[in-house]
Amino acid sequence: MKIPKELKIIGRTIKVVVDDELTNRNDTYGEAHYRYDKIYLQPRVKGIPRTPQSIQITFLHEIIHFILEGLRESDLRNNEKFVGPFSEVLYQVLKDNKLCFDGEEHGKRQGQGKKAQNKK
């Protein structure tokens, strides 16, 4: 999954910011800043790159926080025991079913080339 520089969530444009000092300041790999419409992600810790899977799960984790904020579900939004496992399960479902991960375009079926897609 390629993490975009921005995305839309419930009508809001959210910027994705790479922050190499996030863990040093706040002891976290990602943060959702609702007031500023930003998701912060830390791609490496102490100079060592995090795995793509770990960064993608963190990205989904912060998206879930934004969704729950938009739905006015503050109890769930603040419940890391819910958001953490939910983001990992969502990642697993998307990844195992090849749903828009690993460079696949939305709507493109596995095994189809551009010619097959253009015939639609």
PDB file of N, CA and C in Angstrom:
ATOM      1  N   MET A   1       0.845  -1.169   0.000  1.00  0.00           N
ATOM      2  CA  MET A   1       0.000   0.000   0.000  1.00  0.00           C
ATOM      3  C   MET A   1       0.893   1.235   0.000  1.00  0.00           C
ATOM      4  N   LYS A   2       0.642   2.099  -0.927  1.00  0.00           N
ATOM      5  CA  LYS A   2       1.368   3.358  -0.948  1.00  0.00           C
ATOM      6  C   LYS A   2       0.589   4.347  -0.082  1.00  0.00           C
ATOM      7  N   ILE A   3       1.240   4.878   0.907  1.00  0.00           N
ATOM      8  CA  ILE A   3       0.582   5.829   1.797  1.00  0.00           C
ATOM      9  C   ILE A   3       0.589   7.194   1.117  1.00  0.00           C
ATOM     10  N   PRO A   4      -0.596   7.777   0.942  1.00  0.00           N
ATOM     11  CA  PRO A   4      -0.680   9.058   0.225  1.00  0.00           C
ATOM     12  C   PRO A   4      -0.206  10.230   1.089  1.00  0.00           C
ATOM     13  N   LYS A   5       0.029  11.352   0.435  1.00  0.00           N
ATOM     14  CA  LYS A   5       0.406  12.572   1.155  1.00  0.00           C
ATOM     15  C   LYS A   5      -0.812  13.226   1.782  1.00  0.00           C
ATOM     16  N   GLU A   6      -1.990  12.906   1.242  1.00  0.00           N
ATOM     17  CA  GLU A   6      -3.241  13.355   1.841  1.00  0.00           C
ATOM     18  C   GLU A   6      -4.362  12.417   1.417  1.00  0.00           C
ATOM     19  N   LEU A   7      -5.432  12.415   2.213  1.00  0.00           N
ATOM     20  CA  LEU A   7      -6.590  11.591   1.905  1.00  0.00           C
ATOM     21  C   LEU A   7      -7.827  12.272   2.469  1.00  0.00           C
ATOM     22  N   LYS A   8      -8.981  11.842   1.998  1.00  0.00           N
ATOM     23  CA  LYS A   8     -10.242  12.402   2.472  1.00  0.00           C
ATOM     24  C   LYS A   8     -10.916  11.409   3.409  1.00  0.00           C
ATOM     25  N   ILE A   9     -11.377  11.933   4.543  1.00  0.00           N
ATOM     26  CA  ILE A   9     -12.093  11.121   5.526  1.00  0.00           C
ATOM     27  C   ILE A   9     -13.303  11.926   5.969  1.00  0.00           C
ATOM     28  N   ILE A  10     -14.474  11.409   5.679  1.00  0.00           N
ATOM     29  CA  ILE A  10     -15.739  12.037   6.059  1.00  0.00           C
ATOM     30  C   ILE A  10     -15.733  13.527   5.693  1.00  0.00           C
ATOM     31  N   GLY A  11     -15.379  13.821   4.443  1.00  0.00           N
ATOM     32  CA  GLY A  11     -15.431  15.183   3.935  1.00  0.00           C
ATOM     33  C   GLY A  11     -14.274  16.080   4.320  1.00  0.00           C
ATOM     34  N   ARG A  12     -13.314  15.558   5.058  1.00  0.00           N
ATOM     35  CA  ARG A  12     -12.156  16.355   5.470  1.00  0.00           C
ATOM     36  C   ARG A  12     -10.925  15.887   4.707  1.00  0.00           C
ATOM     37  N   THR A  13     -10.090  16.812   4.283  1.00  0.00           N
ATOM     38  CA  THR A  13      -8.827  16.468   3.656  1.00  0.00           C
ATOM     39  C   THR A  13      -7.762  16.405   4.749  1.00  0.00           C
ATOM     40  N   ILE A  14      -7.194  15.219   4.903  1.00  0.00           N
ATOM     41  CA  ILE A  14      -6.216  14.958   5.960  1.00  0.00           C
ATOM     42  C   ILE A  14      -4.833  14.858   5.334  1.00  0.00           C
ATOM     43  N   LYS A  15      -3.900  15.636   5.822  1.00  0.00           N
ATOM     44  CA  LYS A  15      -2.518  15.563   5.345  1.00  0.00           C
ATOM     45  C   LYS A  15      -1.764  14.512   6.148  1.00  0.00           C
ATOM     46  N   VAL A  16      -0.911  13.775   5.465  1.00  0.00           N
ATOM     47  CA  VAL A  16      -0.076  12.765   6.110  1.00  0.00           C
ATOM     48  C   VAL A  16       1.340  13.337   6.188  1.00  0.00           C
ATOM     49  N   VAL A  17       1.858  13.405   7.395  1.00  0.00           N
ATOM     50  CA  VAL A  17       3.155  14.018   7.654  1.00  0.00           C
ATOM     51  C   VAL A  17       4.114  12.966   8.201  1.00  0.00           C
ATOM     52  N   VAL A  18       5.290  12.882   7.596  1.00  0.00           N
ATOM     53  CA  VAL A  18       6.341  11.992   8.092  1.00  0.00           C
ATOM     54  C   VAL A  18       7.119  12.766   9.148  1.00  0.00           C
ATOM     55  N   ASP A  19       7.273  12.165  10.309  1.00  0.00           N
ATOM     56  CA  ASP A  19       7.937  12.835  11.437  1.00  0.00           C
ATOM     57  C   ASP A  19       8.899  11.855  12.097  1.00  0.00           C
ATOM     58  N   ASP A  20      10.198  12.060  11.879  1.00  0.00           N
ATOM     59  CA  ASP A  20      11.210  11.152  12.407  1.00  0.00           C
ATOM     60  C   ASP A  20      11.452  11.312  13.904  1.00  0.00           C
ATOM     61  N   GLU A  21      10.872  12.313  14.521  1.00  0.00           N
ATOM     62  CA  GLU A  21      11.093  12.554  15.949  1.00  0.00           C
ATOM     63  C   GLU A  21       9.866  12.250  16.808  1.00  0.00           C
ATOM     64  N   LEU A  22       8.818  11.701  16.225  1.00  0.00           N
ATOM     65  CA  LEU A  22       7.564  11.469  16.934  1.00  0.00           C
ATOM     66  C   LEU A  22       7.748  10.595  18.168  1.00  0.00           C
ATOM     67  N   THR A  23       8.480   9.503  18.031  1.00  0.00           N
ATOM     68  CA  THR A  23       8.691   8.603  19.162  1.00  0.00           C
ATOM     69  C   THR A  23       9.500   9.283  20.262  1.00  0.00           C
ATOM     70  N   ASN A  24      10.478  10.072  19.874  1.00  0.00           N
ATOM     71  CA  ASN A  24      11.293  10.775  20.877  1.00  0.00           C
ATOM     72  C   ASN A  24      10.454  11.759  21.683  1.00  0.00           C
ATOM     73  N   ARG A  25       9.523  12.455  21.018  1.00  0.00           N
ATOM     74  CA  ARG A  25       8.700  13.453  21.700  1.00  0.00           C
ATOM     75  C   ARG A  25       7.524  12.845  22.445  1.00  0.00           C
ATOM     76  N   ASN A  26       6.838  11.892  21.804  1.00  0.00           N
ATOM     77  CA  ASN A  26       5.559  11.435  22.345  1.00  0.00           C
ATOM     78  C   ASN A  26       5.465   9.933  22.573  1.00  0.00           C
ATOM     79  N   ASP A  27       6.557   9.211  22.366  1.00  0.00           N
ATOM     80  CA  ASP A  27       6.581   7.769  22.579  1.00  0.00           C
ATOM     81  C   ASP A  27       5.479   7.047  21.803  1.00  0.00           C
ATOM     82  N   THR A  28       5.340   7.400  20.517  1.00  0.00           N
ATOM     83  CA  THR A  28       4.325   6.784  19.660  1.00  0.00           C
ATOM     84  C   THR A  28       4.824   6.722  18.228  1.00  0.00           C
ATOM     85  N   TYR A  29       4.276   5.811  17.430  1.00  0.00           N
ATOM     86  CA  TYR A  29       4.658   5.669  16.014  1.00  0.00           C
ATOM     87  C   TYR A  29       3.746   6.464  15.085  1.00  0.00           C
ATOM     88  N   GLY A  30       2.610   6.910  15.599  1.00  0.00           N
ATOM     89  CA  GLY A  30       1.674   7.676  14.780  1.00  0.00           C
ATOM     90  C   GLY A  30       0.749   8.482  15.663  1.00  0.00           C
ATOM     91  N   GLU A  31       0.206   9.545  15.096  1.00  0.00           N
ATOM     92  CA  GLU A  31      -0.748  10.376  15.824  1.00  0.00           C
ATOM     93  C   GLU A  31      -1.775  10.943  14.863  1.00  0.00           C
ATOM     94  N   ALA A  32      -2.996  11.093  15.358  1.00  0.00           N
ATOM     95  CA  ALA A  32      -4.076  11.746  14.617  1.00  0.00           C
ATOM     96  C   ALA A  32      -4.328  13.096  15.277  1.00  0.00           C
ATOM     97  N   HIS A  33      -4.171  14.164  14.524  1.00  0.00           N
ATOM     98  CA  HIS A  33      -4.413  15.517  15.035  1.00  0.00           C
ATOM     99  C   HIS A  33      -5.685  16.042  14.370  1.00  0.00           C
ATOM    100  N   TYR A  34      -6.796  15.907  15.056  1.00  0.00           N
ATOM    101  CA  TYR A  34      -8.111  16.244  14.501  1.00  0.00           C
ATOM    102  C   TYR A  34      -8.236  17.732  14.209  1.00  0.00           C
ATOM    103  N   ARG A  35      -7.783  18.553  15.112  1.00  0.00           N
ATOM    104  CA  ARG A  35      -7.925  20.007  14.962  1.00  0.00           C
ATOM    105  C   ARG A  35      -7.171  20.518  13.734  1.00  0.00           C
ATOM    106  N   TYR A  36      -6.047  19.870  13.399  1.00  0.00           N
ATOM    107  CA  TYR A  36      -5.204  20.327  12.298  1.00  0.00           C
ATOM    108  C   TYR A  36      -5.340  19.464  11.047  1.00  0.00           C
ATOM    109  N   ASP A  37      -6.236  18.468  11.086  1.00  0.00           N
ATOM    110  CA  ASP A  37      -6.438  17.557   9.947  1.00  0.00           C
ATOM    111  C   ASP A  37      -5.122  16.953   9.456  1.00  0.00           C
ATOM    112  N   LYS A  38      -4.390  16.360  10.396  1.00  0.00           N
ATOM    113  CA  LYS A  38      -3.115  15.747  10.045  1.00  0.00           C
ATOM    114  C   LYS A  38      -2.954  14.398  10.726  1.00  0.00           C
ATOM    115  N   ILE A  39      -2.313  13.497   9.994  1.00  0.00           N
ATOM    116  CA  ILE A  39      -1.853  12.220  10.538  1.00  0.00           C
ATOM    117  C   ILE A  39      -0.331  12.262  10.481  1.00  0.00           C
ATOM    118  N   TYR A  40       0.287  11.995  11.616  1.00  0.00           N
ATOM    119  CA  TYR A  40       1.747  11.946  11.689  1.00  0.00           C
ATOM    120  C   TYR A  40       2.184  10.490  11.779  1.00  0.00           C
ATOM    121  N   LEU A  41       3.207  10.131  10.987  1.00  0.00           N
ATOM    122  CA  LEU A  41       3.759   8.777  10.984  1.00  0.00           C
ATOM    123  C   LEU A  41       5.271   8.843  11.135  1.00  0.00           C
ATOM    124  N   GLN A  42       5.813   7.935  11.899  1.00  0.00           N
ATOM    125  CA  GLN A  42       7.260   7.846  12.047  1.00  0.00           C
ATOM    126  C   GLN A  42       7.747   6.614  11.289  1.00  0.00           C
ATOM    127  N   PRO A  43       8.541   6.817  10.226  1.00  0.00           N
ATOM    128  CA  PRO A  43       8.986   5.685   9.403  1.00  0.00           C
ATOM    129  C   PRO A  43      10.197   4.934   9.938  1.00  0.00           C
ATOM    130  N   ARG A  44      10.941   5.546  10.844  1.00  0.00           N
ATOM    131  CA  ARG A  44      12.113   4.863  11.407  1.00  0.00           C
ATOM    132  C   ARG A  44      12.256   5.222  12.875  1.00  0.00           C
ATOM    133  N   VAL A  45      12.850   4.320  13.609  1.00  0.00           N
ATOM    134  CA  VAL A  45      13.070   4.536  15.036  1.00  0.00           C
ATOM    135  C   VAL A  45      14.570   4.400  15.301  1.00  0.00           C
ATOM    136  N   LYS A  46      15.156   5.428  15.867  1.00  0.00           N
ATOM    137  CA  LYS A  46      16.602   5.462  16.138  1.00  0.00           C
ATOM    138  C   LYS A  46      17.395   5.142  14.878  1.00  0.00           C
ATOM    139  N   GLY A  47      16.922   5.669  13.737  1.00  0.00           N
ATOM    140  CA  GLY A  47      17.606   5.494  12.466  1.00  0.00           C
ATOM    141  C   GLY A  47      17.324   4.180  11.766  1.00  0.00           C
ATOM    142  N   ILE A  48      16.605   3.283  12.408  1.00  0.00           N
ATOM    143  CA  ILE A  48      16.305   1.976  11.819  1.00  0.00           C
ATOM    144  C   ILE A  48      14.910   2.030  11.213  1.00  0.00           C
ATOM    145  N   PRO A  49      14.787   1.730   9.903  1.00  0.00           N
ATOM    146  CA  PRO A  49      13.474   1.787   9.257  1.00  0.00           C
ATOM    147  C   PRO A  49      12.494   0.779   9.863  1.00  0.00           C
ATOM    148  N   ARG A  50      11.257   1.216  10.039  1.00  0.00           N
ATOM    149  CA  ARG A  50      10.182   0.294  10.433  1.00  0.00           C
ATOM    150  C   ARG A  50       9.772  -0.484   9.189  1.00  0.00           C
ATOM    151  N   THR A  51       9.178  -1.641   9.393  1.00  0.00           N
ATOM    152  CA  THR A  51       8.738  -2.439   8.248  1.00  0.00           C
ATOM    153  C   THR A  51       7.555  -1.744   7.567  1.00  0.00           C
ATOM    154  N   PRO A  52       7.390  -1.954   6.259  1.00  0.00           N
ATOM    155  CA  PRO A  52       6.217  -1.392   5.578  1.00  0.00           C
ATOM    156  C   PRO A  52       4.916  -1.822   6.259  1.00  0.00           C
ATOM    157  N   GLN A  53       4.841  -3.084   6.687  1.00  0.00           N
ATOM    158  CA  GLN A  53       3.635  -3.583   7.355  1.00  0.00           C
ATOM    159  C   GLN A  53       3.349  -2.782   8.618  1.00  0.00           C
ATOM    160  N   SER A  54       4.353  -2.513   9.405  1.00  0.00           N
ATOM    161  CA  SER A  54       4.177  -1.765  10.645  1.00  0.00           C
ATOM    162  C   SER A  54       3.702  -0.340  10.369  1.00  0.00           C
ATOM    163  N   ILE A  55       4.276   0.300   9.364  1.00  0.00           N
ATOM    164  CA  ILE A  55       3.867   1.661   9.010  1.00  0.00           C
ATOM    165  C   ILE A  55       2.436   1.666   8.474  1.00  0.00           C
ATOM    166  N   GLN A  56       2.086   0.686   7.656  1.00  0.00           N
ATOM    167  CA  GLN A  56       0.730   0.610   7.103  1.00  0.00           C
ATOM    168  C   GLN A  56      -0.309   0.375   8.192  1.00  0.00           C
ATOM    169  N   ILE A  57       0.005  -0.475   9.144  1.00  0.00           N
ATOM    170  CA  ILE A  57      -0.923  -0.716  10.257  1.00  0.00           C
ATOM    171  C   ILE A  57      -1.089   0.568  11.078  1.00  0.00           C
ATOM    172  N   THR A  58       0.004   1.279  11.306  1.00  0.00           N
ATOM    173  CA  THR A  58      -0.081   2.550  12.034  1.00  0.00           C
ATOM    174  C   THR A  58      -0.939   3.547  11.258  1.00  0.00           C
ATOM    175  N   PHE A  59      -0.773   3.598   9.947  1.00  0.00           N
ATOM    176  CA  PHE A  59      -1.576   4.480   9.092  1.00  0.00           C
ATOM    177  C   PHE A  59      -3.070   4.151   9.234  1.00  0.00           C
ATOM    178  N   LEU A  60      -3.415   2.875   9.128  1.00  0.00           N
ATOM    179  CA  LEU A  60      -4.815   2.470   9.301  1.00  0.00           C
ATOM    180  C   LEU A  60      -5.311   2.800  10.707  1.00  0.00           C
ATOM    181  N   HIS A  61      -4.464   2.621  11.693  1.00  0.00           N
ATOM    182  CA  HIS A  61      -4.805   2.929  13.081  1.00  0.00           C
ATOM    183  C   HIS A  61      -5.227   4.400  13.204  1.00  0.00           C
ATOM    184  N   GLU A  62      -4.443   5.282  12.618  1.00  0.00           N
ATOM    185  CA  GLU A  62      -4.760   6.720  12.703  1.00  0.00           C
ATOM    186  C   GLU A  62      -5.995   7.071  11.875  1.00  0.00           C
ATOM    187  N   ILE A  63      -6.201   6.394  10.750  1.00  0.00           N
ATOM    188  CA  ILE A  63      -7.429   6.589   9.963  1.00  0.00           C
ATOM    189  C   ILE A  63      -8.649   6.207  10.798  1.00  0.00           C
ATOM    190  N   ILE A  64      -8.564   5.099  11.505  1.00  0.00           N
ATOM    191  CA  ILE A  64      -9.686   4.657  12.347  1.00  0.00           C
ATOM    192  C   ILE A  64      -9.990   5.715  13.411  1.00  0.00           C
ATOM    193  N   HIS A  65      -8.956   6.286  14.014  1.00  0.00           N
ATOM    194  CA  HIS A  65      -9.187   7.374  14.970  1.00  0.00           C
ATOM    195  C   HIS A  65      -9.963   8.512  14.316  1.00  0.00           C
ATOM    196  N   PHE A  66      -9.572   8.905  13.092  1.00  0.00           N
ATOM    197  CA  PHE A  66     -10.265   9.994  12.396  1.00  0.00           C
ATOM    198  C   PHE A  66     -11.708   9.625  12.070  1.00  0.00           C
ATOM    199  N   ILE A  67     -11.932   8.389  11.639  1.00  0.00           N
ATOM    200  CA  ILE A  67     -13.300   7.950  11.331  1.00  0.00           C
ATOM    201  C   ILE A  67     -14.166   8.022  12.579  1.00  0.00           C
ATOM    202  N   LEU A  68     -13.667   7.504  13.679  1.00  0.00           N
ATOM    203  CA  LEU A  68     -14.432   7.514  14.927  1.00  0.00           C
ATOM    204  C   LEU A  68     -14.657   8.936  15.432  1.00  0.00           C
ATOM    205  N   GLU A  69     -13.707   9.814  15.222  1.00  0.00           N
ATOM    206  CA  GLU A  69     -13.884  11.235  15.558  1.00  0.00           C
ATOM    207  C   GLU A  69     -15.013  11.831  14.723  1.00  0.00           C
ATOM    208  N   GLY A  70     -15.008  11.526  13.421  1.00  0.00           N
ATOM    209  CA  GLY A  70     -16.050  12.031  12.530  1.00  0.00           C
ATOM    210  C   GLY A  70     -17.431  11.493  12.865  1.00  0.00           C
ATOM    211  N   LEU A  71     -17.481  10.292  13.392  1.00  0.00           N
ATOM    212  CA  LEU A  71     -18.754   9.681  13.788  1.00  0.00           C
ATOM    213  C   LEU A  71     -19.171  10.092  15.200  1.00  0.00           C
ATOM    214  N   ARG A  72     -18.369  10.922  15.835  1.00  0.00           N
ATOM    215  CA  ARG A  72     -18.617  11.393  17.195  1.00  0.00           C
ATOM    216  C   ARG A  72     -18.668  10.236  18.209  1.00  0.00           C
ATOM    217  N   GLU A  73     -17.829   9.267  17.969  1.00  0.00           N
ATOM    218  CA  GLU A  73     -17.713   8.103  18.864  1.00  0.00           C
ATOM    219  C   GLU A  73     -16.473   8.287  19.734  1.00  0.00           C
ATOM    220  N   SER A  74     -16.524   9.265  20.633  1.00  0.00           N
ATOM    221  CA  SER A  74     -15.334   9.613  21.412  1.00  0.00           C
ATOM    222  C   SER A  74     -14.873   8.476  22.328  1.00  0.00           C
ATOM    223  N   ASP A  75     -15.810   7.699  22.873  1.00  0.00           N
ATOM    224  CA  ASP A  75     -15.397   6.586  23.735  1.00  0.00           C
ATOM    225  C   ASP A  75     -14.578   5.564  22.946  1.00  0.00           C
ATOM    226  N   LEU A  76     -15.054   5.198  21.755  1.00  0.00           N
ATOM    227  CA  LEU A  76     -14.302   4.250  20.923  1.00  0.00           C
ATOM    228  C   LEU A  76     -13.025   4.892  20.389  1.00  0.00           C
ATOM    229  N   ARG A  77     -13.103   6.161  19.979  1.00  0.00           N
ATOM    230  CA  ARG A  77     -11.935   6.860  19.438  1.00  0.00           C
ATOM    231  C   ARG A  77     -10.773   6.843  20.426  1.00  0.00           C
ATOM    232  N   ASN A  78     -11.072   6.970  21.688  1.00  0.00           N
ATOM    233  CA  ASN A  78     -10.028   7.011  22.715  1.00  0.00           C
ATOM    234  C   ASN A  78      -9.676   5.641  23.281  1.00  0.00           C
ATOM    235  N   ASN A  79     -10.318   4.605  22.793  1.00  0.00           N
ATOM    236  CA  ASN A  79     -10.120   3.254  23.314  1.00  0.00           C
ATOM    237  C   ASN A  79      -9.059   2.519  22.488  1.00  0.00           C
ATOM    238  N   GLU A  80      -7.804   2.592  22.936  1.00  0.00           N
ATOM    239  CA  GLU A  80      -6.710   1.940  22.204  1.00  0.00           C
ATOM    240  C   GLU A  80      -6.849   0.422  22.204  1.00  0.00           C
ATOM    241  N   LYS A  81      -7.549  -0.138  23.200  1.00  0.00           N
ATOM    242  CA  LYS A  81      -7.786  -1.592  23.207  1.00  0.00           C
ATOM    243  C   LYS A  81      -8.719  -1.991  22.066  1.00  0.00           C
ATOM    244  N   PHE A  82      -9.504  -1.049  21.554  1.00  0.00           N
ATOM    245  CA  PHE A  82     -10.350  -1.298  20.387  1.00  0.00           C
ATOM    246  C   PHE A  82      -9.609  -0.938  19.100  1.00  0.00           C
ATOM    247  N   VAL A  83      -9.074   0.280  19.037  1.00  0.00           N
ATOM    248  CA  VAL A  83      -8.477   0.788  17.797  1.00  0.00           C
ATOM    249  C   VAL A  83      -7.250  -0.026  17.379  1.00  0.00           C
ATOM    250  N   GLY A  84      -6.403  -0.397  18.333  1.00  0.00           N
ATOM    251  CA  GLY A  84      -5.190  -1.153  18.006  1.00  0.00           C
ATOM    252  C   GLY A  84      -5.479  -2.480  17.320  1.00  0.00           C
ATOM    253  N   PRO A  85      -6.218  -3.384  17.979  1.00  0.00           N
ATOM    254  CA  PRO A  85      -6.532  -4.664  17.329  1.00  0.00           C
ATOM    255  C   PRO A  85      -7.374  -4.504  16.064  1.00  0.00           C
ATOM    256  N   PHE A  86      -8.290  -3.522  16.054  1.00  0.00           N
ATOM    257  CA  PHE A  86      -9.130  -3.318  14.873  1.00  0.00           C
ATOM    258  C   PHE A  86      -8.268  -2.957  13.664  1.00  0.00           C
ATOM    259  N   SER A  87      -7.264  -2.095  13.858  1.00  0.00           N
ATOM    260  CA  SER A  87      -6.401  -1.712  12.741  1.00  0.00           C
ATOM    261  C   SER A  87      -5.591  -2.906  12.240  1.00  0.00           C
ATOM    262  N   GLU A  88      -5.154  -3.779  13.144  1.00  0.00           N
ATOM    263  CA  GLU A  88      -4.396  -4.959  12.730  1.00  0.00           C
ATOM    264  C   GLU A  88      -5.268  -5.955  11.970  1.00  0.00           C
ATOM    265  N   VAL A  89      -6.493  -6.148  12.420  1.00  0.00           N
ATOM    266  CA  VAL A  89      -7.414  -7.060  11.730  1.00  0.00           C
ATOM    267  C   VAL A  89      -7.802  -6.484  10.365  1.00  0.00           C
ATOM    268  N   LEU A  90      -8.067  -5.176  10.307  1.00  0.00           N
ATOM    269  CA  LEU A  90      -8.395  -4.538   9.029  1.00  0.00           C
ATOM    270  C   LEU A  90      -7.244  -4.694   8.047  1.00  0.00           C
ATOM    271  N   TYR A  91      -6.023  -4.463   8.500  1.00  0.00           N
ATOM    272  CA  TYR A  91      -4.847  -4.651   7.653  1.00  0.00           C
ATOM    273  C   TYR A  91      -4.802  -6.079   7.113  1.00  0.00           C
ATOM    274  N   GLN A  92      -4.999  -7.048   7.989  1.00  0.00           N
ATOM    275  CA  GLN A  92      -4.941  -8.459   7.594  1.00  0.00           C
ATOM    276  C   GLN A  92      -5.988  -8.783   6.541  1.00  0.00           C
ATOM    277  N   VAL A  93      -7.214  -8.299   6.724  1.00  0.00           N
ATOM    278  CA  VAL A  93      -8.291  -8.559   5.756  1.00  0.00           C
ATOM    279  C   VAL A  93      -7.956  -7.921   4.410  1.00  0.00           C
ATOM    280  N   LEU A  94      -7.514  -6.671   4.416  1.00  0.00           N
ATOM    281  CA  LEU A  94      -7.164  -5.985   3.169  1.00  0.00           C
ATOM    282  C   LEU A  94      -5.996  -6.674   2.473  1.00  0.00           C
ATOM    283  N   LYS A  95      -4.977  -7.013   3.219  1.00  0.00           N
ATOM    284  CA  LYS A  95      -3.779  -7.637   2.668  1.00  0.00           C
ATOM    285  C   LYS A  95      -4.060  -9.051   2.152  1.00  0.00           C
ATOM    286  N   ASP A  96      -4.706  -9.892   2.968  1.00  0.00           N
ATOM    287  CA  ASP A  96      -4.953 -11.282   2.576  1.00  0.00           C
ATOM    288  C   ASP A  96      -5.875 -11.396   1.368  1.00  0.00           C
ATOM    289  N   ASN A  97      -6.722 -10.406   1.185  1.00  0.00           N
ATOM    290  CA  ASN A  97      -7.658 -10.429   0.059  1.00  0.00           C
ATOM    291  C   ASN A  97      -7.229  -9.513  -1.082  1.00  0.00           C
ATOM    292  N   LYS A  98      -5.992  -9.017  -0.979  1.00  0.00           N
ATOM    293  CA  LYS A  98      -5.397  -8.171  -2.015  1.00  0.00           C
ATOM    294  C   LYS A  98      -6.292  -6.988  -2.381  1.00  0.00           C
ATOM    295  N   LEU A  99      -6.785  -6.322  -1.362  1.00  0.00           N
ATOM    296  CA  LEU A  99      -7.670  -5.185  -1.557  1.00  0.00           C
ATOM    297  C   LEU A  99      -6.879  -3.882  -1.488  1.00  0.00           C
ATOM    298  N   CYS A 100      -6.425  -3.402  -2.637  1.00  0.00           N
ATOM    299  CA  CYS A 100      -5.736  -2.115  -2.773  1.00  0.00           C
ATOM    300  C   CYS A 100      -4.403  -2.056  -2.040  1.00  0.00           C
ATOM    301  N   PHE A 101      -3.732  -3.168  -1.892  1.00  0.00           N
ATOM    302  CA  PHE A 101      -2.409  -3.181  -1.295  1.00  0.00           C
ATOM    303  C   PHE A 101      -1.401  -3.662  -2.327  1.00  0.00           C
ATOM    304  N   ASP A 102      -0.140  -3.525  -2.017  1.00  0.00           N
ATOM    305  CA  ASP A 102       0.952  -3.978  -2.887  1.00  0.00           C
ATOM    306  C   ASP A 102       0.894  -3.362  -4.275  1.00  0.00           C
ATOM    307  N   GLY A 103       0.538  -2.086  -4.356  1.00  0.00           N
ATOM    308  CA  GLY A 103       0.553  -1.369  -5.624  1.00  0.00           C
ATOM    309  C   GLY A 103      -0.630  -1.637  -6.530  1.00  0.00           C
ATOM    310  N   GLU A 104      -1.587  -2.450  -6.106  1.00  0.00           N
ATOM    311  CA  GLU A 104      -2.752  -2.703  -6.941  1.00  0.00           C
ATOM    312  C   GLU A 104      -3.646  -1.478  -6.953  1.00  0.00           C
ATOM    313  N   GLU A 105      -4.214  -1.201  -8.112  1.00  0.00           N
ATOM    314  CA  GLU A 105      -5.146  -0.087  -8.231  1.00  0.00           C
ATOM    315  C   GLU A 105      -6.523  -0.553  -7.816  1.00  0.00           C
ATOM    316  N   HIS A 106      -7.289   0.351  -7.240  1.00  0.00           N
ATOM    317  CA  HIS A 106      -8.662   0.031  -6.839  1.00  0.00           C
ATOM    318  C   HIS A 106      -9.448  -0.410  -8.067  1.00  0.00           C
ATOM    319  N   GLY A 107     -10.124  -1.522  -7.961  1.00  0.00           N
ATOM    320  CA  GLY A 107     -10.954  -2.018  -9.044  1.00  0.00           C
ATOM    321  C   GLY A 107     -10.216  -2.907 -10.026  1.00  0.00           C
ATOM    322  N   LYS A 108      -8.898  -2.950  -9.979  1.00  0.00           N
ATOM    323  CA  LYS A 108      -8.118  -3.786 -10.893  1.00  0.00           C
ATOM    324  C   LYS A 108      -8.072  -5.198 -10.348  1.00  0.00           C
ATOM    325  N   ARG A 109      -8.489  -6.142 -11.155  1.00  0.00           N
ATOM    326  CA  ARG A 109      -8.473  -7.533 -10.712  1.00  0.00           C
ATOM    327  C   ARG A 109      -7.093  -8.115 -10.883  1.00  0.00           C
ATOM    328  N   GLN A 110      -6.719  -8.980  -9.959  1.00  0.00           N
ATOM    329  CA  GLN A 110      -5.414  -9.621 -10.007  1.00  0.00           C
ATOM    330  C   GLN A 110      -5.281 -10.399 -11.309  1.00  0.00           C
ATOM    331  N   GLY A 111      -4.126 -10.246 -11.957  1.00  0.00           N
ATOM    332  CA  GLY A 111      -3.855 -10.993 -13.180  1.00  0.00           C
ATOM    333  C   GLY A 111      -4.294 -10.267 -14.438  1.00  0.00           C
ATOM    334  N   GLN A 112      -4.972  -9.136 -14.307  1.00  0.00           N
ATOM    335  CA  GLN A 112      -5.383  -8.395 -15.485  1.00  0.00           C
ATOM    336  C   GLN A 112      -4.331  -7.362 -15.831  1.00  0.00           C
ATOM    337  N   GLY A 113      -3.971  -7.329 -17.067  1.00  0.00           N
ATOM    338  CA  GLY A 113      -3.069  -6.291 -17.541  1.00  0.00           C
ATOM    339  C   GLY A 113      -3.859  -5.073 -17.977  1.00  0.00           C
ATOM    340  N   LYS A 114      -3.153  -4.060 -18.478  1.00  0.00           N
ATOM    341  CA  LYS A 114      -3.819  -2.842 -18.924  1.00  0.00           C
ATOM    342  C   LYS A 114      -4.725  -3.109 -20.109  1.00  0.00           C
ATOM    343  N   LYS A 115      -4.333  -4.002 -21.010  1.00  0.00           N
ATOM    344  CA  LYS A 115      -5.171  -4.298 -22.173  1.00  0.00           C
ATOM    345  C   LYS A 115      -6.503  -4.896 -21.736  1.00  0.00           C
ATOM    346  N   ALA A 116      -6.453  -5.833 -20.794  1.00  0.00           N
ATOM    347  CA  ALA A 116      -7.699  -6.459 -20.320  1.00  0.00           C
ATOM    348  C   ALA A 116      -8.588  -5.434 -19.631  1.00  0.00           C
ATOM    349  N   GLN A 117      -7.974  -4.509 -18.929  1.00  0.00           N
ATOM    350  CA  GLN A 117      -8.761  -3.490 -18.227  1.00  0.00           C
ATOM    351  C   GLN A 117      -9.378  -2.512 -19.217  1.00  0.00           C
ATOM    352  N   ASN A 118      -8.673  -2.173 -20.274  1.00  0.00           N
ATOM    353  CA  ASN A 118      -9.166  -1.204 -21.242  1.00  0.00           C
ATOM    354  C   ASN A 118     -10.336  -1.734 -22.067  1.00  0.00           C
ATOM    355  N   LYS A 119     -10.538  -3.039 -22.106  1.00  0.00           N
ATOM    356  CA  LYS A 119     -11.636  -3.637 -22.869  1.00  0.00           C
ATOM    357  C   LYS A 119     -12.976  -3.484 -22.170  1.00  0.00           C
ATOM    358  N   LYS A 120     -12.964  -3.102 -20.899  1.00  0.00           N
ATOM    359  CA  LYS A 120     -14.220  -2.976 -20.141  1.00  0.00           C
ATOM    360  C   LYS A 120     -15.068  -1.856 -20.670  1.00  0.00           C
TER     361      LYS A 120
END
